[in-house]
Structures are given as structure tokens and as C-alpha cells.
């Protein structure tokens, strides 16, 4: 499973990132690039479906969705416990 690639694929389906997701670095601010609150909710739902996880309240914040790296780190913490 390549979490970062899956995140990029999901972001590519968001209007704000269509056609430019491959140009993003892992640390680019997704909010500066056009992600809004509605888009972040859509992103969260798509991530939950893709990785079969549920974001706990403590991860439902702007910081968790600020960049591809931040999302990857958040998803990684949710996926690992299930694999153990």
C-alpha cells in the first residue's frame, strides 16, 4: 500500500487539484493551493473509505489536512493499529 500515492489520487478528484496534483510536493500547503473546508470534509470521507479507517475527533483539524505529508502521517497512525 502506497499511502502517499493513494492520497494524491484522491486529491486529483478534487476540483481544486485536478491536473496539478503531480506538481505538489509532500509539504505544500493544500489550503494555500485551494483546499477549503468543504473540500477537506470530502477528502476526509474519501480517505476513510479508501483506507477503511475513521478519523477520531483529535485528528479532525486543519493541521491534519494541511499537506500530503500531514495526511499521510495521520492515515498511517490509523492504519497501523489495525494491521497489528
PDB file of N, CA and C in Angstrom:
ATOM      1  N   UNK A   1       0.841  -1.176   0.000  1.00  0.00           N
ATOM      2  CA  UNK A   1       0.000   0.000   0.000  1.00  0.00           C
ATOM      3  C   UNK A   1       0.891   1.246   0.000  1.00  0.00           C
ATOM      4  N   UNK A   2       0.675   2.118  -0.966  1.00  0.00           N
ATOM      5  CA  UNK A   2       1.417   3.369  -1.034  1.00  0.00           C
ATOM      6  C   UNK A   2       0.461   4.489  -0.621  1.00  0.00           C
ATOM      7  N   UNK A   3       0.517   4.848   0.640  1.00  0.00           N
ATOM      8  CA  UNK A   3      -0.424   5.815   1.194  1.00  0.00           C
ATOM      9  C   UNK A   3      -0.330   7.159   0.482  1.00  0.00           C
ATOM     10  N   UNK A   4       0.888   7.653   0.257  1.00  0.00           N
ATOM     11  CA  UNK A   4       1.058   8.962  -0.380  1.00  0.00           C
ATOM     12  C   UNK A   4       0.476   8.964  -1.787  1.00  0.00           C
ATOM     13  N   UNK A   5       0.673   7.891  -2.535  1.00  0.00           N
ATOM     14  CA  UNK A   5       0.134   7.819  -3.900  1.00  0.00           C
ATOM     15  C   UNK A   5      -1.389   7.775  -3.871  1.00  0.00           C
ATOM     16  N   UNK A   6      -1.942   7.029  -2.935  1.00  0.00           N
ATOM     17  CA  UNK A   6      -3.403   6.969  -2.794  1.00  0.00           C
ATOM     18  C   UNK A   6      -3.963   8.349  -2.433  1.00  0.00           C
ATOM     19  N   UNK A   7      -3.266   9.070  -1.570  1.00  0.00           N
ATOM     20  CA  UNK A   7      -3.702  10.422  -1.193  1.00  0.00           C
ATOM     21  C   UNK A   7      -3.689  11.327  -2.413  1.00  0.00           C
ATOM     22  N   UNK A   8      -2.633  11.236  -3.205  1.00  0.00           N
ATOM     23  CA  UNK A   8      -2.546  12.043  -4.429  1.00  0.00           C
ATOM     24  C   UNK A   8      -3.687  11.710  -5.392  1.00  0.00           C
ATOM     25  N   UNK A   9      -4.007  10.434  -5.504  1.00  0.00           N
ATOM     26  CA  UNK A   9      -5.104  10.022  -6.383  1.00  0.00           C
ATOM     27  C   UNK A   9      -6.430  10.613  -5.906  1.00  0.00           C
ATOM     28  N   UNK A  10      -6.660  10.556  -4.610  1.00  0.00           N
ATOM     29  CA  UNK A  10      -7.888  11.120  -4.036  1.00  0.00           C
ATOM     30  C   UNK A  10      -7.916  12.631  -4.242  1.00  0.00           C
ATOM     31  N   UNK A  11      -6.792  13.302  -4.005  1.00  0.00           N
ATOM     32  CA  UNK A  11      -6.729  14.752  -4.210  1.00  0.00           C
ATOM     33  C   UNK A  11      -7.006  15.116  -5.661  1.00  0.00           C
ATOM     34  N   UNK A  12      -6.552  14.280  -6.578  1.00  0.00           N
ATOM     35  CA  UNK A  12      -6.765  14.547  -8.004  1.00  0.00           C
ATOM     36  C   UNK A  12      -8.224  14.597  -8.392  1.00  0.00           C
ATOM     37  N   UNK A  13      -9.076  13.979  -7.590  1.00  0.00           N
ATOM     38  CA  UNK A  13     -10.511  14.009  -7.886  1.00  0.00           C
ATOM     39  C   UNK A  13     -11.174  15.272  -7.329  1.00  0.00           C
ATOM     40  N   UNK A  14     -10.428  16.063  -6.560  1.00  0.00           N
ATOM     41  CA  UNK A  14     -10.926  17.327  -6.019  1.00  0.00           C
ATOM     42  C   UNK A  14     -10.708  18.420  -7.063  1.00  0.00           C
ATOM     43  N   UNK A  15     -11.733  19.216  -7.325  1.00  0.00           N
ATOM     44  CA  UNK A  15     -11.647  20.260  -8.354  1.00  0.00           C
ATOM     45  C   UNK A  15     -10.440  21.168  -8.185  1.00  0.00           C
ATOM     46  N   UNK A  16     -10.106  21.504  -6.964  1.00  0.00           N
ATOM     47  CA  UNK A  16      -9.000  22.430  -6.706  1.00  0.00           C
ATOM     48  C   UNK A  16      -7.656  21.871  -7.155  1.00  0.00           C
ATOM     49  N   UNK A  17      -7.547  20.546  -7.242  1.00  0.00           N
ATOM     50  CA  UNK A  17      -6.257  19.930  -7.551  1.00  0.00           C
ATOM     51  C   UNK A  17      -6.238  19.171  -8.871  1.00  0.00           C
ATOM     52  N   UNK A  18      -7.353  19.160  -9.574  1.00  0.00           N
ATOM     53  CA  UNK A  18      -7.427  18.430 -10.839  1.00  0.00           C
ATOM     54  C   UNK A  18      -6.334  18.913 -11.789  1.00  0.00           C
ATOM     55  N   UNK A  19      -5.533  17.983 -12.263  1.00  0.00           N
ATOM     56  CA  UNK A  19      -4.489  18.306 -13.222  1.00  0.00           C
ATOM     57  C   UNK A  19      -3.211  18.864 -12.635  1.00  0.00           C
ATOM     58  N   UNK A  20      -3.188  19.151 -11.343  1.00  0.00           N
ATOM     59  CA  UNK A  20      -1.961  19.707 -10.770  1.00  0.00           C
ATOM     60  C   UNK A  20      -1.463  18.973  -9.541  1.00  0.00           C
ATOM     61  N   UNK A  21      -2.095  17.856  -9.208  1.00  0.00           N
ATOM     62  CA  UNK A  21      -1.688  17.123  -8.010  1.00  0.00           C
ATOM     63  C   UNK A  21      -0.265  16.584  -8.127  1.00  0.00           C
ATOM     64  N   UNK A  22       0.170  16.259  -9.335  1.00  0.00           N
ATOM     65  CA  UNK A  22       1.532  15.749  -9.524  1.00  0.00           C
ATOM     66  C   UNK A  22       2.591  16.826  -9.326  1.00  0.00           C
ATOM     67  N   UNK A  23       2.173  18.076  -9.345  1.00  0.00           N
ATOM     68  CA  UNK A  23       3.114  19.186  -9.155  1.00  0.00           C
ATOM     69  C   UNK A  23       3.294  19.544  -7.679  1.00  0.00           C
ATOM     70  N   UNK A  24       2.476  18.960  -6.823  1.00  0.00           N
ATOM     71  CA  UNK A  24       2.549  19.267  -5.396  1.00  0.00           C
ATOM     72  C   UNK A  24       3.676  18.490  -4.728  1.00  0.00           C
ATOM     73  N   UNK A  25       4.404  19.164  -3.856  1.00  0.00           N
ATOM     74  CA  UNK A  25       5.367  18.443  -3.026  1.00  0.00           C
ATOM     75  C   UNK A  25       4.605  17.907  -1.819  1.00  0.00           C
ATOM     76  N   UNK A  26       5.223  17.014  -1.084  1.00  0.00           N
ATOM     77  CA  UNK A  26       4.570  16.449   0.098  1.00  0.00           C
ATOM     78  C   UNK A  26       4.309  17.504   1.168  1.00  0.00           C
ATOM     79  N   UNK A  27       5.012  18.627   1.106  1.00  0.00           N
ATOM     80  CA  UNK A  27       4.899  19.648   2.144  1.00  0.00           C
ATOM     81  C   UNK A  27       4.169  20.911   1.705  1.00  0.00           C
ATOM     82  N   UNK A  28       3.718  20.979   0.453  1.00  0.00           N
ATOM     83  CA  UNK A  28       2.959  22.154   0.005  1.00  0.00           C
ATOM     84  C   UNK A  28       1.669  22.272   0.808  1.00  0.00           C
ATOM     85  N   UNK A  29       1.303  23.503   1.144  1.00  0.00           N
ATOM     86  CA  UNK A  29       0.059  23.742   1.877  1.00  0.00           C
ATOM     87  C   UNK A  29      -1.129  23.515   0.949  1.00  0.00           C
ATOM     88  N   UNK A  30      -1.937  22.527   1.279  1.00  0.00           N
ATOM     89  CA  UNK A  30      -3.106  22.237   0.461  1.00  0.00           C
ATOM     90  C   UNK A  30      -4.128  23.357   0.560  1.00  0.00           C
ATOM     91  N   UNK A  31      -4.186  24.031   1.695  1.00  0.00           N
ATOM     92  CA  UNK A  31      -5.121  25.140   1.860  1.00  0.00           C
ATOM     93  C   UNK A  31      -4.687  26.339   1.019  1.00  0.00           C
ATOM     94  N   UNK A  32      -3.383  26.580   0.920  1.00  0.00           N
ATOM     95  CA  UNK A  32      -2.885  27.659   0.062  1.00  0.00           C
ATOM     96  C   UNK A  32      -3.129  27.345  -1.412  1.00  0.00           C
ATOM     97  N   UNK A  33      -3.229  26.062  -1.737  1.00  0.00           N
ATOM     98  CA  UNK A  33      -3.419  25.626  -3.120  1.00  0.00           C
ATOM     99  C   UNK A  33      -4.897  25.507  -3.505  1.00  0.00           C
ATOM    100  N   UNK A  34      -5.800  25.804  -2.568  1.00  0.00           N
ATOM    101  CA  UNK A  34      -7.215  25.840  -2.914  1.00  0.00           C
ATOM    102  C   UNK A  34      -8.139  24.922  -2.135  1.00  0.00           C
ATOM    103  N   UNK A  35      -7.600  24.124  -1.214  1.00  0.00           N
ATOM    104  CA  UNK A  35      -8.465  23.266  -0.402  1.00  0.00           C
ATOM    105  C   UNK A  35      -9.264  24.134   0.570  1.00  0.00           C
ATOM    106  N   UNK A  36     -10.565  23.939   0.588  1.00  0.00           N
ATOM    107  CA  UNK A  36     -11.402  24.683   1.532  1.00  0.00           C
ATOM    108  C   UNK A  36     -12.030  23.703   2.520  1.00  0.00           C
ATOM    109  N   UNK A  37     -12.857  24.207   3.423  1.00  0.00           N
ATOM    110  CA  UNK A  37     -13.415  23.341   4.462  1.00  0.00           C
ATOM    111  C   UNK A  37     -14.304  22.250   3.872  1.00  0.00           C
ATOM    112  N   UNK A  38     -15.088  22.574   2.858  1.00  0.00           N
ATOM    113  CA  UNK A  38     -15.930  21.567   2.220  1.00  0.00           C
ATOM    114  C   UNK A  38     -15.063  20.503   1.552  1.00  0.00           C
ATOM    115  N   UNK A  39     -14.011  20.949   0.872  1.00  0.00           N
ATOM    116  CA  UNK A  39     -13.096  20.012   0.222  1.00  0.00           C
ATOM    117  C   UNK A  39     -12.371  19.130   1.216  1.00  0.00           C
ATOM    118  N   UNK A  40     -12.052  19.681   2.388  1.00  0.00           N
ATOM    119  CA  UNK A  40     -11.349  18.872   3.389  1.00  0.00           C
ATOM    120  C   UNK A  40     -12.272  17.796   3.967  1.00  0.00           C
ATOM    121  N   UNK A  41     -13.565  18.101   4.076  1.00  0.00           N
ATOM    122  CA  UNK A  41     -14.524  17.084   4.537  1.00  0.00           C
ATOM    123  C   UNK A  41     -14.655  15.990   3.481  1.00  0.00           C
ATOM    124  N   UNK A  42     -14.752  16.378   2.212  1.00  0.00           N
ATOM    125  CA  UNK A  42     -14.819  15.396   1.127  1.00  0.00           C
ATOM    126  C   UNK A  42     -13.559  14.532   1.120  1.00  0.00           C
ATOM    127  N   UNK A  43     -12.421  15.166   1.317  1.00  0.00           N
ATOM    128  CA  UNK A  43     -11.150  14.455   1.364  1.00  0.00           C
ATOM    129  C   UNK A  43     -11.133  13.456   2.513  1.00  0.00           C
ATOM    130  N   UNK A  44     -11.574  13.892   3.683  1.00  0.00           N
ATOM    131  CA  UNK A  44     -11.606  13.008   4.844  1.00  0.00           C
ATOM    132  C   UNK A  44     -12.492  11.790   4.571  1.00  0.00           C
ATOM    133  N   UNK A  45     -13.661  12.008   4.010  1.00  0.00           N
ATOM    134  CA  UNK A  45     -14.576  10.900   3.725  1.00  0.00           C
ATOM    135  C   UNK A  45     -13.974   9.927   2.713  1.00  0.00           C
ATOM    136  N   UNK A  46     -13.322  10.463   1.692  1.00  0.00           N
ATOM    137  CA  UNK A  46     -12.681   9.610   0.687  1.00  0.00           C
ATOM    138  C   UNK A  46     -11.529   8.811   1.300  1.00  0.00           C
ATOM    139  N   UNK A  47     -10.774   9.436   2.186  1.00  0.00           N
ATOM    140  CA  UNK A  47      -9.674   8.744   2.865  1.00  0.00           C
ATOM    141  C   UNK A  47     -10.211   7.633   3.762  1.00  0.00           C
ATOM    142  N   UNK A  48     -11.281   7.926   4.481  1.00  0.00           N
ATOM    143  CA  UNK A  48     -11.868   6.909   5.352  1.00  0.00           C
ATOM    144  C   UNK A  48     -12.330   5.702   4.541  1.00  0.00           C
ATOM    145  N   UNK A  49     -12.922   5.978   3.396  1.00  0.00           N
ATOM    146  CA  UNK A  49     -13.392   4.881   2.546  1.00  0.00           C
ATOM    147  C   UNK A  49     -12.221   4.099   1.951  1.00  0.00           C
ATOM    148  N   UNK A  50     -11.229   4.799   1.445  1.00  0.00           N
ATOM    149  CA  UNK A  50     -10.092   4.147   0.786  1.00  0.00           C
ATOM    150  C   UNK A  50      -9.308   3.262   1.747  1.00  0.00           C
ATOM    151  N   UNK A  51      -9.059   3.781   2.955  1.00  0.00           N
ATOM    152  CA  UNK A  51      -8.204   3.075   3.910  1.00  0.00           C
ATOM    153  C   UNK A  51      -8.992   2.303   4.976  1.00  0.00           C
ATOM    154  N   UNK A  52     -10.313   2.365   4.886  1.00  0.00           N
ATOM    155  CA  UNK A  52     -11.172   1.658   5.833  1.00  0.00           C
ATOM    156  C   UNK A  52     -10.835   2.037   7.284  1.00  0.00           C
ATOM    157  N   UNK A  53     -10.785   3.341   7.510  1.00  0.00           N
ATOM    158  CA  UNK A  53     -10.486   3.889   8.838  1.00  0.00           C
ATOM    159  C   UNK A  53     -11.526   4.952   9.169  1.00  0.00           C
ATOM    160  N   UNK A  54     -11.496   5.406  10.408  1.00  0.00           N
ATOM    161  CA  UNK A  54     -12.342   6.521  10.820  1.00  0.00           C
ATOM    162  C   UNK A  54     -11.465   7.524  11.557  1.00  0.00           C
ATOM    163  N   UNK A  55     -11.513   8.773  11.119  1.00  0.00           N
ATOM    164  CA  UNK A  55     -10.713   9.809  11.771  1.00  0.00           C
ATOM    165  C   UNK A  55     -11.321  10.139  13.128  1.00  0.00           C
ATOM    166  N   UNK A  56     -10.538  10.010  14.203  1.00  0.00           N
ATOM    167  CA  UNK A  56     -11.039  10.390  15.527  1.00  0.00           C
ATOM    168  C   UNK A  56     -11.084  11.917  15.647  1.00  0.00           C
ATOM    169  N   UNK A  57     -11.846  12.388  16.596  1.00  0.00           N
ATOM    170  CA  UNK A  57     -12.022  13.835  16.782  1.00  0.00           C
ATOM    171  C   UNK A  57     -10.693  14.584  16.881  1.00  0.00           C
ATOM    172  N   UNK A  58      -9.695  13.977  17.548  1.00  0.00           N
ATOM    173  CA  UNK A  58      -8.425  14.694  17.736  1.00  0.00           C
ATOM    174  C   UNK A  58      -7.658  14.916  16.429  1.00  0.00           C
ATOM    175  N   UNK A  59      -8.028  14.209  15.356  1.00  0.00           N
ATOM    176  CA  UNK A  59      -7.375  14.417  14.058  1.00  0.00           C
ATOM    177  C   UNK A  59      -8.221  15.259  13.104  1.00  0.00           C
ATOM    178  N   UNK A  60      -9.380  15.673  13.551  1.00  0.00           N
ATOM    179  CA  UNK A  60     -10.258  16.492  12.704  1.00  0.00           C
ATOM    180  C   UNK A  60      -9.918  17.966  12.891  1.00  0.00           C
ATOM    181  N   UNK A  61      -8.794  18.352  12.318  1.00  0.00           N
ATOM    182  CA  UNK A  61      -8.342  19.732  12.411  1.00  0.00           C
ATOM    183  C   UNK A  61      -7.571  20.107  11.150  1.00  0.00           C
ATOM    184  N   UNK A  62      -7.356  21.374  10.987  1.00  0.00           N
ATOM    185  CA  UNK A  62      -6.690  21.904   9.790  1.00  0.00           C
ATOM    186  C   UNK A  62      -5.278  21.325   9.643  1.00  0.00           C
ATOM    187  N   UNK A  63      -4.586  21.139  10.750  1.00  0.00           N
ATOM    188  CA  UNK A  63      -3.209  20.637  10.716  1.00  0.00           C
ATOM    189  C   UNK A  63      -3.131  19.240  10.087  1.00  0.00           C
ATOM    190  N   UNK A  64      -4.110  18.390  10.370  1.00  0.00           N
ATOM    191  CA  UNK A  64      -4.103  17.013   9.855  1.00  0.00           C
ATOM    192  C   UNK A  64      -4.253  16.957   8.339  1.00  0.00           C
ATOM    193  N   UNK A  65      -4.822  18.005   7.744  1.00  0.00           N
ATOM    194  CA  UNK A  65      -5.075  18.026   6.308  1.00  0.00           C
ATOM    195  C   UNK A  65      -4.292  19.124   5.589  1.00  0.00           C
ATOM    196  N   UNK A  66      -3.259  19.649   6.257  1.00  0.00           N
ATOM    197  CA  UNK A  66      -2.514  20.785   5.736  1.00  0.00           C
ATOM    198  C   UNK A  66      -1.647  20.447   4.525  1.00  0.00           C
ATOM    199  N   UNK A  67      -1.156  19.210   4.458  1.00  0.00           N
ATOM    200  CA  UNK A  67      -0.261  18.815   3.367  1.00  0.00           C
ATOM    201  C   UNK A  67      -0.394  17.315   3.139  1.00  0.00           C
ATOM    202  N   UNK A  68       0.163  16.859   2.051  1.00  0.00           N
ATOM    203  CA  UNK A  68       0.153  15.423   1.767  1.00  0.00           C
ATOM    204  C   UNK A  68       0.890  14.678   2.875  1.00  0.00           C
ATOM    205  N   UNK A  69       2.004  15.227   3.337  1.00  0.00           N
ATOM    206  CA  UNK A  69       2.759  14.588   4.421  1.00  0.00           C
ATOM    207  C   UNK A  69       1.925  14.503   5.705  1.00  0.00           C
ATOM    208  N   UNK A  70       1.218  15.578   6.048  1.00  0.00           N
ATOM    209  CA  UNK A  70       0.390  15.578   7.257  1.00  0.00           C
ATOM    210  C   UNK A  70      -0.728  14.542   7.151  1.00  0.00           C
ATOM    211  N   UNK A  71      -1.341  14.457   5.975  1.00  0.00           N
ATOM    212  CA  UNK A  71      -2.402  13.464   5.774  1.00  0.00           C
ATOM    213  C   UNK A  71      -1.821  12.059   5.861  1.00  0.00           C
ATOM    214  N   UNK A  72      -0.671  11.857   5.214  1.00  0.00           N
ATOM    215  CA  UNK A  72      -0.028  10.536   5.247  1.00  0.00           C
ATOM    216  C   UNK A  72       0.289  10.131   6.689  1.00  0.00           C
ATOM    217  N   UNK A  73       0.806  11.064   7.469  1.00  0.00           N
ATOM    218  CA  UNK A  73       1.129  10.763   8.870  1.00  0.00           C
ATOM    219  C   UNK A  73      -0.127  10.412   9.661  1.00  0.00           C
ATOM    220  N   UNK A  74      -1.203  11.158   9.441  1.00  0.00           N
ATOM    221  CA  UNK A  74      -2.455  10.888  10.148  1.00  0.00           C
ATOM    222  C   UNK A  74      -3.021   9.534   9.751  1.00  0.00           C
ATOM    223  N   UNK A  75      -3.071   9.263   8.452  1.00  0.00           N
ATOM    224  CA  UNK A  75      -3.597   7.980   7.978  1.00  0.00           C
ATOM    225  C   UNK A  75      -2.734   6.831   8.476  1.00  0.00           C
ATOM    226  N   UNK A  76      -1.429   7.015   8.487  1.00  0.00           N
ATOM    227  CA  UNK A  76      -0.517   5.956   8.944  1.00  0.00           C
ATOM    228  C   UNK A  76      -0.795   5.573  10.391  1.00  0.00           C
ATOM    229  N   UNK A  77      -1.115   6.546  11.225  1.00  0.00           N
ATOM    230  CA  UNK A  77      -1.406   6.222  12.621  1.00  0.00           C
ATOM    231  C   UNK A  77      -2.705   5.439  12.755  1.00  0.00           C
ATOM    232  N   UNK A  78      -3.612   5.629  11.807  1.00  0.00           N
ATOM    233  CA  UNK A  78      -4.898   4.934  11.847  1.00  0.00           C
ATOM    234  C   UNK A  78      -4.823   3.550  11.231  1.00  0.00           C
ATOM    235  N   UNK A  79      -3.987   3.379  10.227  1.00  0.00           N
ATOM    236  CA  UNK A  79      -3.893   2.102   9.517  1.00  0.00           C
ATOM    237  C   UNK A  79      -3.074   1.099  10.304  1.00  0.00           C
ATOM    238  N   UNK A  80      -1.977   1.528  10.907  1.00  0.00           N
ATOM    239  CA  UNK A  80      -1.062   0.627  11.620  1.00  0.00           C
ATOM    240  C   UNK A  80      -1.711  -0.184  12.730  1.00  0.00           C
ATOM    241  N   UNK A  81      -2.502   0.440  13.616  1.00  0.00           N
ATOM    242  CA  UNK A  81      -3.072  -0.355  14.713  1.00  0.00           C
ATOM    243  C   UNK A  81      -3.927  -1.527  14.216  1.00  0.00           C
ATOM    244  N   UNK A  82      -4.612  -1.359  13.091  1.00  0.00           N
ATOM    245  CA  UNK A  82      -5.442  -2.432  12.562  1.00  0.00           C
ATOM    246  C   UNK A  82      -4.604  -3.577  12.007  1.00  0.00           C
ATOM    247  N   UNK A  83      -3.409  -3.253  11.524  1.00  0.00           N
ATOM    248  CA  UNK A  83      -2.545  -4.282  10.938  1.00  0.00           C
ATOM    249  C   UNK A  83      -1.896  -5.152  12.014  1.00  0.00           C
ATOM    250  N   UNK A  84      -1.805  -4.632  13.224  1.00  0.00           N
ATOM    251  CA  UNK A  84      -1.144  -5.367  14.311  1.00  0.00           C
ATOM    252  C   UNK A  84      -2.009  -6.478  14.859  1.00  0.00           C
TER     253      UNK A  84
END
